[in-house]
Amino acid sequence: MLYTKGGTTGIARAVDFDSDFAVWVHVAVLKLVKQRVEPVWLQEVLNSSHCYQQSQRLTKGIVNRDLGLRQMLDISFPLPPLNVQKTVAARVAEIDELKAHHRSHLAKLDALFASLQHRAFRGEL
């Protein structure tokens, strides 16, 4: 799990690949015990308004904003059983798939509208 701790703080992203990568100083790598925590579930919880607001209260500084590792430990959230977390993660995956599908259709509609506009302004309609 990657979690921003400097500058823009309090944004989580589950790592869904297995290869080496470099991490910038303003990003924390949170190692999870996969028998207790589903990564996608934790990403959604940490990005929820409940946890995000906590992260903002715990972030220090105005120009050099920093959410220290010790402060991260003070962010509280419920920890449901793993099967519940997996159910939530599966629903998130379904929603993400739907969003991608709708974005694709929206892009096609935009292209069709642009084509229609172009033909209308050229007097072809």
Foldseek 3Di string as FASTA:
>chain_A
DKFFFKDQGQADDQDDDDDDDDDDPRIDDDDDDLQQADRQLVNVVSPDPLNSVQQVVQWDDDPTTGNDPVSNVVRDDDRDGPVVSVVVSVVVVVVVVVVVVVVVVVVVVVVVVVVVVVCVVVVND
